[in-house]
Amino acid sequence: MHVEDVFRLNQGRAVMPVGRIERGCVRTGDQVEIIGFGGGAVVPVGAVEVCRRRTDEARAGMNVGLLLPGTAASAVERGQVLAAPGSVSEHVGFAADITLLSDEEGGADVHTGDRLQFHLRAAVVMGHVALSQGGDTLPPLHMGAVVVTLERPVALEEGQPFVFRHHGRAAGSGVVTRLLN
């Protein structure tokens, strides 16, 4: 589940991250790992809520809240991922195929060394891009292979789609082709 929002309950003694389950299921009592932004803690699920009602289990495609009692309020934030321990890992580098928007749609030249804003699931992270094909510039409406180095580690998987912004404007989209570390 990618964390879209976090609520602090009972004067900060419990947190409830909210988001959509991408695959699998989660049950009350399961252990989940907090992945991304240097997380890594494994915590128990105290309760599962769907539409403000407690349930014993939630499955892929459902929007849920997971009550994590005893978890510090600062331990979970938007953009992190909750998953079965060891099933997903965090990375700061990846190779990707990207497609730039046209000039009319806000696309701009992307140069090796540019600092872009990457939107990966619910995470927003700044990163530097290096073109893989030997050129230093990728013009609008073109596709290219790039290597991205993020400023913060996030949960990544091969085949994961993302979008990016350049100078505050939508610039293009891409797919993770290979994880680096």
Protein backbone atom coordinates (compact mmCIF):
# COMPACT_ATOMS: atom_id res chain seq x y z
CA MET A 1 0.00 0.00 0.00
CA HIS A 2 1.38 3.42 -0.87
CA VAL A 3 0.76 6.01 1.84
CA GLU A 4 -1.34 8.93 0.59
CA ASP A 5 -2.07 10.55 3.95
CA VAL A 6 -1.25 10.01 7.64
CA PHE A 7 -3.51 10.70 10.60
CA ARG A 8 -2.24 10.93 14.18
CA LEU A 9 -4.63 9.49 16.77
CA ASN A 10 -4.86 9.44 20.58
CA GLN A 11 -2.51 12.38 21.18
CA GLY A 12 0.15 10.85 18.90
CA ARG A 13 0.17 7.37 20.49
CA ALA A 14 -0.95 5.79 17.21
CA VAL A 15 -0.80 6.67 13.54
CA MET A 16 -3.14 5.67 10.74
CA PRO A 17 -1.64 5.78 7.25
CA VAL A 18 -4.27 5.80 4.51
CA GLY A 19 -3.87 4.59 0.93
CA ARG A 20 -4.79 2.09 -1.75
CA ILE A 21 -3.65 -1.53 -1.59
CA GLU A 22 -1.87 -2.36 -4.86
CA ARG A 23 -1.69 -6.13 -4.49
CA GLY A 24 -2.20 -8.86 -1.92
CA CYS A 25 -4.12 -8.41 1.29
CA VAL A 26 -3.57 -7.16 4.82
CA ARG A 27 -5.12 -8.47 8.03
CA THR A 28 -5.24 -7.26 11.60
CA GLY A 29 -2.13 -8.58 13.35
CA ASP A 30 0.04 -8.74 10.18
CA GLN A 31 3.53 -7.26 10.25
CA VAL A 32 4.22 -4.52 7.67
CA GLU A 33 7.48 -2.82 6.75
CA ILE A 34 7.66 0.95 6.28
CA ILE A 35 9.65 1.46 3.05
CA GLY A 36 11.07 4.69 1.63
CA PHE A 37 12.71 7.86 2.89
CA GLY A 38 15.04 5.79 5.08
CA GLY A 39 12.20 3.93 6.83
CA GLY A 40 12.68 0.20 7.27
CA ALA A 41 10.84 -0.35 10.55
CA VAL A 42 8.61 -3.43 10.83
CA VAL A 43 5.41 -2.73 12.77
CA PRO A 44 2.23 -4.68 13.58
CA VAL A 45 -1.16 -3.71 12.15
CA GLY A 46 -3.52 -3.03 15.07
CA ALA A 47 -6.65 -2.60 12.95
CA VAL A 48 -7.80 -2.28 9.35
CA GLU A 49 -10.44 0.31 8.44
CA VAL A 50 -12.42 0.56 5.20
CA CYS A 51 -14.87 3.48 4.88
CA ARG A 52 -14.50 4.22 8.63
CA ARG A 53 -15.54 0.69 9.54
CA ARG A 54 -13.26 -1.87 11.12
CA THR A 55 -12.71 -5.07 9.18
CA ASP A 56 -10.46 -8.08 9.64
CA GLU A 57 -9.03 -8.04 6.11
CA ALA A 58 -8.61 -5.74 3.09
CA ARG A 59 -7.58 -6.74 -0.44
CA ALA A 60 -5.99 -5.23 -3.55
CA GLY A 61 -7.88 -2.27 -4.99
CA MET A 62 -9.37 -1.15 -1.67
CA ASN A 63 -8.69 2.23 -0.03
CA VAL A 64 -7.87 1.54 3.61
CA GLY A 65 -6.51 2.97 6.81
CA LEU A 66 -4.11 0.87 8.88
CA LEU A 67 -3.90 1.60 12.60
CA LEU A 68 -0.27 1.24 13.72
CA PRO A 69 -0.29 1.53 17.53
CA GLY A 70 2.97 2.46 19.21
CA THR A 71 4.48 3.80 15.99
CA ALA A 72 6.06 7.24 16.27
CA ALA A 73 4.14 9.98 14.47
CA SER A 74 7.28 10.91 12.52
CA ALA A 75 7.93 7.32 11.35
CA VAL A 76 5.32 7.35 8.56
CA GLU A 77 4.84 10.02 5.90
CA ARG A 78 3.15 10.51 2.55
CA GLY A 79 5.03 8.75 -0.24
CA GLN A 80 6.23 5.78 1.76
CA VAL A 81 5.01 2.23 1.09
CA LEU A 82 3.71 -0.33 3.58
CA ALA A 83 4.41 -3.90 2.45
CA ALA A 84 5.11 -7.39 3.68
CA PRO A 85 8.63 -7.41 5.18
CA GLY A 86 11.27 -8.02 2.51
CA SER A 87 8.87 -7.88 -0.47
CA VAL A 88 9.81 -4.40 -1.74
CA SER A 89 13.05 -2.44 -1.32
CA GLU A 90 13.99 1.21 -1.48
CA HIS A 91 16.42 2.62 -4.04
CA VAL A 92 17.98 5.96 -4.97
CA GLY A 93 19.02 5.07 -8.51
CA PHE A 94 17.26 3.55 -11.50
CA ALA A 95 17.37 3.34 -15.27
CA ALA A 96 14.24 4.32 -17.18
CA ASP A 97 12.73 4.97 -20.57
CA ILE A 98 11.13 8.43 -20.68
CA THR A 99 8.90 10.30 -23.10
CA LEU A 100 8.79 14.10 -23.13
CA LEU A 101 5.66 16.17 -23.73
CA SER A 102 5.37 18.53 -26.70
CA ASP A 103 6.19 22.25 -26.41
CA GLU A 104 2.47 23.07 -26.34
CA GLU A 105 1.91 20.66 -23.43
CA GLY A 106 4.76 22.16 -21.42
CA GLY A 107 7.63 19.92 -22.51
CA ALA A 108 11.15 21.33 -22.54
CA ASP A 109 14.63 20.13 -23.41
CA VAL A 110 16.07 17.76 -20.80
CA HIS A 111 19.85 17.88 -20.40
CA THR A 112 22.24 15.56 -18.62
CA GLY A 113 22.59 16.88 -15.08
CA ASP A 114 19.13 18.51 -14.92
CA ARG A 115 17.37 18.39 -11.56
CA LEU A 116 13.80 17.13 -12.06
CA GLN A 117 10.87 16.50 -9.72
CA PHE A 118 9.82 12.82 -9.88
CA HIS A 119 6.36 11.60 -8.86
CA LEU A 120 6.65 7.91 -7.92
CA ARG A 121 3.34 6.58 -6.57
CA ALA A 122 2.48 9.17 -3.91
CA ALA A 123 6.12 10.18 -3.34
CA VAL A 124 7.51 13.43 -4.74
CA VAL A 125 11.32 13.38 -4.85
CA MET A 126 13.93 15.54 -6.57
CA GLY A 127 16.53 13.76 -8.67
CA HIS A 128 19.25 14.27 -11.27
CA VAL A 129 19.03 12.76 -14.74
CA ALA A 130 21.78 11.50 -17.06
CA LEU A 131 20.99 10.62 -20.68
CA SER A 132 22.17 7.11 -21.57
CA GLN A 133 22.49 7.45 -25.34
CA GLY A 134 25.60 9.59 -25.36
CA GLY A 135 23.76 12.85 -26.16
CA ASP A 136 23.50 15.72 -23.74
CA THR A 137 20.01 16.92 -24.75
CA LEU A 138 16.63 15.26 -25.26
CA PRO A 139 14.17 17.58 -27.07
CA PRO A 140 10.37 17.69 -26.54
CA LEU A 141 8.29 14.86 -28.08
CA HIS A 142 11.25 12.48 -28.01
CA MET A 143 11.87 9.26 -26.13
CA GLY A 144 15.12 8.27 -24.49
CA ALA A 145 16.86 6.08 -21.96
CA VAL A 146 18.07 7.80 -18.80
CA VAL A 147 19.68 7.03 -15.47
CA VAL A 148 18.12 8.82 -12.49
CA THR A 149 19.72 9.48 -9.11
CA LEU A 150 17.17 10.51 -6.47
CA GLU A 151 17.92 12.70 -3.46
CA ARG A 152 15.93 10.41 -1.10
CA PRO A 153 15.41 6.63 -1.25
CA VAL A 154 11.92 5.49 -2.30
CA ALA A 155 10.22 2.13 -2.82
CA LEU A 156 10.79 1.13 -6.46
CA GLU A 157 10.07 -1.86 -8.67
CA GLU A 158 10.91 -2.62 -12.29
CA GLY A 159 8.05 -1.70 -14.61
CA GLN A 160 6.77 1.02 -12.28
CA PRO A 161 5.41 4.07 -14.13
CA PHE A 162 6.19 7.64 -13.05
CA VAL A 163 5.83 11.22 -14.19
CA PHE A 164 8.23 14.12 -13.81
CA ARG A 165 8.24 17.90 -13.78
CA HIS A 166 10.89 20.29 -15.09
CA HIS A 167 11.07 23.91 -13.86
CA GLY A 168 7.71 23.46 -12.12
CA ARG A 169 5.85 22.28 -15.24
CA ALA A 170 4.74 18.83 -16.33
CA ALA A 171 7.50 17.55 -18.63
CA GLY A 172 6.91 13.85 -19.32
CA SER A 173 6.50 10.32 -18.10
CA GLY A 174 8.50 7.12 -17.93
CA VAL A 175 8.82 3.53 -16.79
CA VAL A 176 11.51 2.09 -14.50
CA THR A 177 13.50 -0.46 -16.54
CA ARG A 178 16.27 -1.40 -14.09
CA LEU A 179 17.01 -0.78 -10.41
CA LEU A 180 20.49 0.45 -9.43
CA ASN A 181 22.29 0.29 -6.07
